[in-house]
């Protein structure tokens, strides 16, 4: 899961994150200054998600 986030940050891919409570958050991951949390930026702003609340990470790769 954390590996996928790091790859997405390095390659500029969007991600879709499903949390343990069933919420799905989609956006661009960024390096977080807060340890133990994922930082996702989307149209609603910035969301910080604790790693222990993440159920699944999916990278979204667009093709030309």
PDB file of N, CA and C in Angstrom:
ATOM      1  N   UNK A   1       0.830  -1.184   0.000  1.00  0.00           N
ATOM      2  CA  UNK A   1       0.000   0.000   0.000  1.00  0.00           C
ATOM      3  C   UNK A   1       0.874   1.246   0.000  1.00  0.00           C
ATOM      4  N   UNK A   2       1.800   1.364   0.925  1.00  0.00           N
ATOM      5  CA  UNK A   2       2.672   2.526   0.983  1.00  0.00           C
ATOM      6  C   UNK A   2       3.572   2.552  -0.254  1.00  0.00           C
ATOM      7  N   UNK A   3       3.979   1.371  -0.708  1.00  0.00           N
ATOM      8  CA  UNK A   3       4.804   1.272  -1.914  1.00  0.00           C
ATOM      9  C   UNK A   3       4.056   1.856  -3.114  1.00  0.00           C
ATOM     10  N   UNK A   4       2.777   1.539  -3.249  1.00  0.00           N
ATOM     11  CA  UNK A   4       1.976   2.070  -4.362  1.00  0.00           C
ATOM     12  C   UNK A   4       1.856   3.590  -4.282  1.00  0.00           C
ATOM     13  N   UNK A   5       1.709   4.119  -3.079  1.00  0.00           N
ATOM     14  CA  UNK A   5       1.642   5.579  -2.921  1.00  0.00           C
ATOM     15  C   UNK A   5       2.958   6.225  -3.337  1.00  0.00           C
ATOM     16  N   UNK A   6       4.076   5.628  -2.951  1.00  0.00           N
ATOM     17  CA  UNK A   6       5.387   6.175  -3.313  1.00  0.00           C
ATOM     18  C   UNK A   6       5.602   6.137  -4.820  1.00  0.00           C
ATOM     19  N   UNK A   7       5.191   5.057  -5.461  1.00  0.00           N
ATOM     20  CA  UNK A   7       5.309   4.952  -6.917  1.00  0.00           C
ATOM     21  C   UNK A   7       4.441   6.012  -7.591  1.00  0.00           C
ATOM     22  N   UNK A   8       3.212   6.187  -7.097  1.00  0.00           N
ATOM     23  CA  UNK A   8       2.296   7.179  -7.674  1.00  0.00           C
ATOM     24  C   UNK A   8       2.857   8.593  -7.534  1.00  0.00           C
ATOM     25  N   UNK A   9       3.464   8.898  -6.401  1.00  0.00           N
ATOM     26  CA  UNK A   9       4.071  10.222  -6.199  1.00  0.00           C
ATOM     27  C   UNK A   9       5.220  10.413  -7.193  1.00  0.00           C
ATOM     28  N   UNK A  10       6.074   9.407  -7.327  1.00  0.00           N
ATOM     29  CA  UNK A  10       7.246   9.507  -8.201  1.00  0.00           C
ATOM     30  C   UNK A  10       6.857   9.640  -9.672  1.00  0.00           C
ATOM     31  N   UNK A  11       5.791   8.951 -10.083  1.00  0.00           N
ATOM     32  CA  UNK A  11       5.408   8.939 -11.497  1.00  0.00           C
ATOM     33  C   UNK A  11       4.288   9.919 -11.836  1.00  0.00           C
ATOM     34  N   UNK A  12       3.752  10.601 -10.837  1.00  0.00           N
ATOM     35  CA  UNK A  12       2.695  11.573 -11.095  1.00  0.00           C
ATOM     36  C   UNK A  12       1.346  10.955 -11.424  1.00  0.00           C
ATOM     37  N   UNK A  13       1.084   9.766 -10.882  1.00  0.00           N
ATOM     38  CA  UNK A  13      -0.200   9.088 -11.112  1.00  0.00           C
ATOM     39  C   UNK A  13      -1.228   9.520 -10.068  1.00  0.00           C
ATOM     40  N   UNK A  14      -2.481   9.524 -10.470  1.00  0.00           N
ATOM     41  CA  UNK A  14      -3.563   9.727  -9.505  1.00  0.00           C
ATOM     42  C   UNK A  14      -3.765   8.410  -8.756  1.00  0.00           C
ATOM     43  N   UNK A  15      -4.399   8.492  -7.591  1.00  0.00           N
ATOM     44  CA  UNK A  15      -4.732   7.295  -6.831  1.00  0.00           C
ATOM     45  C   UNK A  15      -6.186   7.341  -6.377  1.00  0.00           C
ATOM     46  N   UNK A  16      -6.713   6.172  -6.128  1.00  0.00           N
ATOM     47  CA  UNK A  16      -8.020   6.021  -5.510  1.00  0.00           C
ATOM     48  C   UNK A  16      -7.786   5.199  -4.252  1.00  0.00           C
ATOM     49  N   UNK A  17      -8.140   5.760  -3.100  1.00  0.00           N
ATOM     50  CA  UNK A  17      -7.903   5.100  -1.815  1.00  0.00           C
ATOM     51  C   UNK A  17      -9.237   4.750  -1.175  1.00  0.00           C
ATOM     52  N   UNK A  18      -9.373   3.491  -0.801  1.00  0.00           N
ATOM     53  CA  UNK A  18     -10.557   3.048  -0.062  1.00  0.00           C
ATOM     54  C   UNK A  18     -10.162   2.906   1.397  1.00  0.00           C
ATOM     55  N   UNK A  19     -10.923   3.560   2.281  1.00  0.00           N
ATOM     56  CA  UNK A  19     -10.631   3.497   3.706  1.00  0.00           C
ATOM     57  C   UNK A  19     -11.403   2.345   4.352  1.00  0.00           C
ATOM     58  N   UNK A  20     -11.065   2.032   5.581  1.00  0.00           N
ATOM     59  CA  UNK A  20     -11.722   0.935   6.285  1.00  0.00           C
ATOM     60  C   UNK A  20     -13.212   1.176   6.493  1.00  0.00           C
ATOM     61  N   UNK A  21     -13.641   2.441   6.532  1.00  0.00           N
ATOM     62  CA  UNK A  21     -15.068   2.729   6.705  1.00  0.00           C
ATOM     63  C   UNK A  21     -15.823   2.796   5.372  1.00  0.00           C
ATOM     64  N   UNK A  22     -15.137   2.457   4.255  1.00  0.00           N
ATOM     65  CA  UNK A  22     -15.793   2.372   2.955  1.00  0.00           C
ATOM     66  C   UNK A  22     -15.723   3.627   2.107  1.00  0.00           C
ATOM     67  N   UNK A  23     -15.166   4.704   2.633  1.00  0.00           N
ATOM     68  CA  UNK A  23     -15.045   5.947   1.870  1.00  0.00           C
ATOM     69  C   UNK A  23     -13.974   5.786   0.791  1.00  0.00           C
ATOM     70  N   UNK A  24     -14.229   6.356  -0.388  1.00  0.00           N
ATOM     71  CA  UNK A  24     -13.260   6.318  -1.475  1.00  0.00           C
ATOM     72  C   UNK A  24     -12.815   7.746  -1.766  1.00  0.00           C
ATOM     73  N   UNK A  25     -11.503   7.974  -1.751  1.00  0.00           N
ATOM     74  CA  UNK A  25     -10.930   9.294  -1.987  1.00  0.00           C
ATOM     75  C   UNK A  25     -10.015   9.188  -3.193  1.00  0.00           C
ATOM     76  N   UNK A  26     -10.241  10.060  -4.174  1.00  0.00           N
ATOM     77  CA  UNK A  26      -9.449  10.055  -5.394  1.00  0.00           C
ATOM     78  C   UNK A  26      -8.735  11.388  -5.524  1.00  0.00           C
ATOM     79  N   UNK A  27      -7.468  11.344  -5.921  1.00  0.00           N
ATOM     80  CA  UNK A  27      -6.706  12.570  -6.115  1.00  0.00           C
ATOM     81  C   UNK A  27      -5.245  12.295  -6.357  1.00  0.00           C
ATOM     82  N   UNK A  28      -4.461  13.363  -6.335  1.00  0.00           N
ATOM     83  CA  UNK A  28      -3.011  13.270  -6.546  1.00  0.00           C
ATOM     84  C   UNK A  28      -2.313  13.138  -5.195  1.00  0.00           C
ATOM     85  N   UNK A  29      -1.535  12.078  -5.008  1.00  0.00           N
ATOM     86  CA  UNK A  29      -0.804  11.941  -3.745  1.00  0.00           C
ATOM     87  C   UNK A  29       0.401  12.870  -3.733  1.00  0.00           C
ATOM     88  N   UNK A  30       0.739  13.342  -2.557  1.00  0.00           N
ATOM     89  CA  UNK A  30       1.909  14.192  -2.370  1.00  0.00           C
ATOM     90  C   UNK A  30       2.663  13.707  -1.139  1.00  0.00           C
ATOM     91  N   UNK A  31       3.926  14.063  -1.073  1.00  0.00           N
ATOM     92  CA  UNK A  31       4.713  13.718   0.115  1.00  0.00           C
ATOM     93  C   UNK A  31       4.144  14.478   1.305  1.00  0.00           C
ATOM     94  N   UNK A  32       3.824  13.753   2.359  1.00  0.00           N
ATOM     95  CA  UNK A  32       3.229  14.365   3.548  1.00  0.00           C
ATOM     96  C   UNK A  32       4.311  14.709   4.560  1.00  0.00           C
ATOM     97  N   UNK A  33       4.154  15.865   5.171  1.00  0.00           N
ATOM     98  CA  UNK A  33       5.093  16.263   6.219  1.00  0.00           C
ATOM     99  C   UNK A  33       4.705  15.648   7.567  1.00  0.00           C
ATOM    100  N   UNK A  34       3.525  15.046   7.617  1.00  0.00           N
ATOM    101  CA  UNK A  34       3.041  14.400   8.835  1.00  0.00           C
ATOM    102  C   UNK A  34       3.323  12.898   8.721  1.00  0.00           C
ATOM    103  N   UNK A  35       4.191  12.347   9.561  1.00  0.00           N
ATOM    104  CA  UNK A  35       4.508  10.915   9.472  1.00  0.00           C
ATOM    105  C   UNK A  35       3.268  10.046   9.734  1.00  0.00           C
ATOM    106  N   UNK A  36       3.187   8.930   8.984  1.00  0.00           N
ATOM    107  CA  UNK A  36       2.109   7.980   9.203  1.00  0.00           C
ATOM    108  C   UNK A  36       0.801   8.341   8.527  1.00  0.00           C
ATOM    109  N   UNK A  37       0.812   9.358   7.644  1.00  0.00           N
ATOM    110  CA  UNK A  37      -0.406   9.759   6.942  1.00  0.00           C
ATOM    111  C   UNK A  37      -0.134   9.958   5.462  1.00  0.00           C
ATOM    112  N   UNK A  38      -1.142   9.634   4.652  1.00  0.00           N
ATOM    113  CA  UNK A  38      -1.086   9.889   3.218  1.00  0.00           C
ATOM    114  C   UNK A  38      -1.727  11.244   2.955  1.00  0.00           C
ATOM    115  N   UNK A  39      -1.115  12.015   2.056  1.00  0.00           N
ATOM    116  CA  UNK A  39      -1.646  13.334   1.700  1.00  0.00           C
ATOM    117  C   UNK A  39      -2.181  13.249   0.281  1.00  0.00           C
ATOM    118  N   UNK A  40      -3.482  13.525   0.114  1.00  0.00           N
ATOM    119  CA  UNK A  40      -4.129  13.458  -1.189  1.00  0.00           C
ATOM    120  C   UNK A  40      -4.730  14.821  -1.514  1.00  0.00           C
ATOM    121  N   UNK A  41      -4.393  15.343  -2.692  1.00  0.00           N
ATOM    122  CA  UNK A  41      -4.932  16.636  -3.129  1.00  0.00           C
ATOM    123  C   UNK A  41      -5.938  16.393  -4.258  1.00  0.00           C
ATOM    124  N   UNK A  42      -7.148  16.957  -4.101  1.00  0.00           N
ATOM    125  CA  UNK A  42      -8.175  16.863  -5.137  1.00  0.00           C
ATOM    126  C   UNK A  42      -8.960  18.175  -5.186  1.00  0.00           C
ATOM    127  N   UNK A  43     -10.097  18.187  -5.879  1.00  0.00           N
ATOM    128  CA  UNK A  43     -10.892  19.407  -6.040  1.00  0.00           C
ATOM    129  C   UNK A  43     -11.405  19.965  -4.711  1.00  0.00           C
ATOM    130  N   UNK A  44     -11.600  19.115  -3.722  1.00  0.00           N
ATOM    131  CA  UNK A  44     -12.108  19.543  -2.423  1.00  0.00           C
ATOM    132  C   UNK A  44     -11.009  20.084  -1.514  1.00  0.00           C
ATOM    133  N   UNK A  45      -9.761  19.969  -1.925  1.00  0.00           N
ATOM    134  CA  UNK A  45      -8.652  20.434  -1.095  1.00  0.00           C
ATOM    135  C   UNK A  45      -7.692  19.300  -0.781  1.00  0.00           C
ATOM    136  N   UNK A  46      -7.072  19.391   0.377  1.00  0.00           N
ATOM    137  CA  UNK A  46      -6.084  18.391   0.804  1.00  0.00           C
ATOM    138  C   UNK A  46      -6.689  17.524   1.901  1.00  0.00           C
ATOM    139  N   UNK A  47      -6.494  16.214   1.765  1.00  0.00           N
ATOM    140  CA  UNK A  47      -6.977  15.264   2.764  1.00  0.00           C
ATOM    141  C   UNK A  47      -5.800  14.452   3.277  1.00  0.00           C
ATOM    142  N   UNK A  48      -5.718  14.324   4.582  1.00  0.00           N
ATOM    143  CA  UNK A  48      -4.702  13.478   5.212  1.00  0.00           C
ATOM    144  C   UNK A  48      -5.402  12.221   5.717  1.00  0.00           C
ATOM    145  N   UNK A  49      -4.866  11.055   5.336  1.00  0.00           N
ATOM    146  CA  UNK A  49      -5.462   9.779   5.732  1.00  0.00           C
ATOM    147  C   UNK A  49      -4.415   8.974   6.487  1.00  0.00           C
ATOM    148  N   UNK A  50      -4.697   8.593   7.744  1.00  0.00           N
ATOM    149  CA  UNK A  50      -3.743   7.745   8.481  1.00  0.00           C
ATOM    150  C   UNK A  50      -3.557   6.403   7.771  1.00  0.00           C
ATOM    151  N   UNK A  51      -2.315   5.930   7.693  1.00  0.00           N
ATOM    152  CA  UNK A  51      -2.033   4.666   7.012  1.00  0.00           C
ATOM    153  C   UNK A  51      -2.873   3.521   7.566  1.00  0.00           C
ATOM    154  N   UNK A  52      -3.114   3.511   8.879  1.00  0.00           N
ATOM    155  CA  UNK A  52      -3.864   2.394   9.472  1.00  0.00           C
ATOM    156  C   UNK A  52      -5.340   2.413   9.084  1.00  0.00           C
ATOM    157  N   UNK A  53      -5.834   3.515   8.499  1.00  0.00           N
ATOM    158  CA  UNK A  53      -7.229   3.603   8.053  1.00  0.00           C
ATOM    159  C   UNK A  53      -7.397   3.234   6.580  1.00  0.00           C
ATOM    160  N   UNK A  54      -6.287   2.989   5.870  1.00  0.00           N
ATOM    161  CA  UNK A  54      -6.342   2.667   4.440  1.00  0.00           C
ATOM    162  C   UNK A  54      -6.535   1.173   4.257  1.00  0.00           C
ATOM    163  N   UNK A  55      -7.564   0.823   3.470  1.00  0.00           N
ATOM    164  CA  UNK A  55      -7.852  -0.572   3.166  1.00  0.00           C
ATOM    165  C   UNK A  55      -7.212  -0.982   1.842  1.00  0.00           C
ATOM    166  N   UNK A  56      -7.275  -0.092   0.834  1.00  0.00           N
ATOM    167  CA  UNK A  56      -6.777  -0.439  -0.498  1.00  0.00           C
ATOM    168  C   UNK A  56      -6.334   0.825  -1.236  1.00  0.00           C
ATOM    169  N   UNK A  57      -5.233   0.712  -2.003  1.00  0.00           N
ATOM    170  CA  UNK A  57      -4.740   1.810  -2.840  1.00  0.00           C
ATOM    171  C   UNK A  57      -4.701   1.337  -4.287  1.00  0.00           C
ATOM    172  N   UNK A  58      -5.270   2.137  -5.183  1.00  0.00           N
ATOM    173  CA  UNK A  58      -5.246   1.808  -6.604  1.00  0.00           C
ATOM    174  C   UNK A  58      -4.660   3.004  -7.359  1.00  0.00           C
ATOM    175  N   UNK A  59      -3.609   2.764  -8.139  1.00  0.00           N
ATOM    176  CA  UNK A  59      -3.061   3.824  -8.975  1.00  0.00           C
ATOM    177  C   UNK A  59      -3.911   3.942 -10.234  1.00  0.00           C
ATOM    178  N   UNK A  60      -4.148   5.175 -10.665  1.00  0.00           N
ATOM    179  CA  UNK A  60      -4.918   5.435 -11.881  1.00  0.00           C
ATOM    180  C   UNK A  60      -3.928   5.953 -12.918  1.00  0.00           C
ATOM    181  N   UNK A  61      -3.726   5.161 -13.949  1.00  0.00           N
ATOM    182  CA  UNK A  61      -2.743   5.485 -14.983  1.00  0.00           C
ATOM    183  C   UNK A  61      -3.493   5.823 -16.261  1.00  0.00           C
ATOM    184  N   UNK A  62      -3.315   7.054 -16.738  1.00  0.00           N
ATOM    185  CA  UNK A  62      -3.991   7.457 -17.979  1.00  0.00           C
ATOM    186  C   UNK A  62      -3.079   7.150 -19.165  1.00  0.00           C
ATOM    187  N   UNK A  63      -3.690   6.725 -20.244  1.00  0.00           N
ATOM    188  CA  UNK A  63      -2.962   6.435 -21.473  1.00  0.00           C
ATOM    189  C   UNK A  63      -3.243   7.531 -22.486  1.00  0.00           C
ATOM    190  N   UNK A  64      -2.240   7.868 -23.296  1.00  0.00           N
ATOM    191  CA  UNK A  64      -2.436   8.944 -24.288  1.00  0.00           C
ATOM    192  C   UNK A  64      -3.449   8.607 -25.340  1.00  0.00           C
TER     193      UNK A  64
END
